[in-house]
């Protein structure tokens, strides 16, 4: 195998890993959403993620509804 073939294979592995990462992030988001809907607390979710409750809420929590957001005007 020559250098260009090794490079092409290496780049395909990079691309495959990138796709797998996106898929894993989506699976995690869906899993957290299901856990919330099933009654899990943010503290429980945070424990299983290995992060603080605040970090879990920031990453996976729903944004506030438009009527709950503070306006500047």
Protein backbone atom coordinates (compact mmCIF):
# COMPACT_ATOMS: atom_id res chain seq x y z
CA UNK A 1 0.00 0.00 0.00
CA UNK A 2 1.45 3.34 -1.01
CA UNK A 3 1.32 6.62 0.87
CA UNK A 4 -1.71 7.99 -0.98
CA UNK A 5 -3.68 4.80 -0.26
CA UNK A 6 -2.75 4.99 3.44
CA UNK A 7 -3.79 8.63 3.50
CA UNK A 8 -7.10 7.86 1.81
CA UNK A 9 -7.83 5.07 4.30
CA UNK A 10 -6.87 7.30 7.21
CA UNK A 11 -9.19 10.02 5.96
CA UNK A 12 -12.04 7.54 5.56
CA UNK A 13 -11.51 6.50 9.20
CA UNK A 14 -11.68 10.15 10.23
CA UNK A 15 -14.92 10.58 8.30
CA UNK A 16 -16.42 7.39 9.76
CA UNK A 17 -15.47 8.43 13.30
CA UNK A 18 -17.03 11.85 12.75
CA UNK A 19 -20.31 10.27 11.60
CA UNK A 20 -20.26 7.90 14.58
CA UNK A 21 -19.74 10.85 16.93
CA UNK A 22 -22.75 12.70 15.53
CA UNK A 23 -24.87 9.55 15.84
CA UNK A 24 -23.70 8.97 19.43
CA UNK A 25 -24.52 12.55 20.42
CA UNK A 26 -28.02 12.14 18.98
CA UNK A 27 -28.52 8.82 20.81
CA UNK A 28 -27.41 10.48 24.05
CA UNK A 29 -29.78 13.42 23.51
CA UNK A 30 -32.67 11.04 22.87
CA UNK A 31 -31.78 8.91 25.89
CA UNK A 32 -31.73 11.93 28.19
CA UNK A 33 -35.05 13.11 26.77
CA UNK A 34 -36.61 9.69 27.41
CA UNK A 35 -35.21 9.64 30.94
CA UNK A 36 -36.72 13.06 31.67
CA UNK A 37 -40.09 11.99 30.25
CA UNK A 38 -40.02 8.82 32.35
CA UNK A 39 -39.57 10.85 35.52
CA UNK A 40 -35.82 10.84 36.11
CA UNK A 41 -34.56 13.92 37.92
CA UNK A 42 -31.83 16.12 36.51
CA UNK A 43 -29.70 15.11 39.51
CA UNK A 44 -30.05 11.43 38.56
CA UNK A 45 -29.28 12.14 34.92
CA UNK A 46 -26.27 14.26 35.89
CA UNK A 47 -24.93 11.45 38.09
CA UNK A 48 -25.12 9.00 35.21
CA UNK A 49 -23.44 11.46 32.86
CA UNK A 50 -20.69 12.24 35.37
CA UNK A 51 -21.44 15.97 35.33
CA UNK A 52 -23.15 18.45 37.59
CA UNK A 53 -26.90 18.89 37.51
CA UNK A 54 -26.41 22.39 36.13
CA UNK A 55 -24.20 21.09 33.32
CA UNK A 56 -26.76 18.40 32.43
CA UNK A 57 -29.59 20.94 32.34
CA UNK A 58 -27.55 23.35 30.23
CA UNK A 59 -26.60 20.70 27.71
CA UNK A 60 -29.87 18.81 27.46
CA UNK A 61 -32.57 20.97 28.99
CA UNK A 62 -35.21 22.63 26.88
CA UNK A 63 -34.76 26.33 26.19
CA UNK A 64 -37.29 28.53 27.98
CA UNK A 65 -40.54 29.20 26.19
CA UNK A 66 -40.60 32.59 24.40
CA UNK A 67 -43.05 34.01 26.95
CA UNK A 68 -40.63 33.02 29.76
CA UNK A 69 -37.66 34.79 28.23
CA UNK A 70 -36.68 38.20 29.46
CA UNK A 71 -36.84 40.86 26.79
CA UNK A 72 -34.58 43.86 26.54
CA UNK A 73 -37.25 46.22 25.22
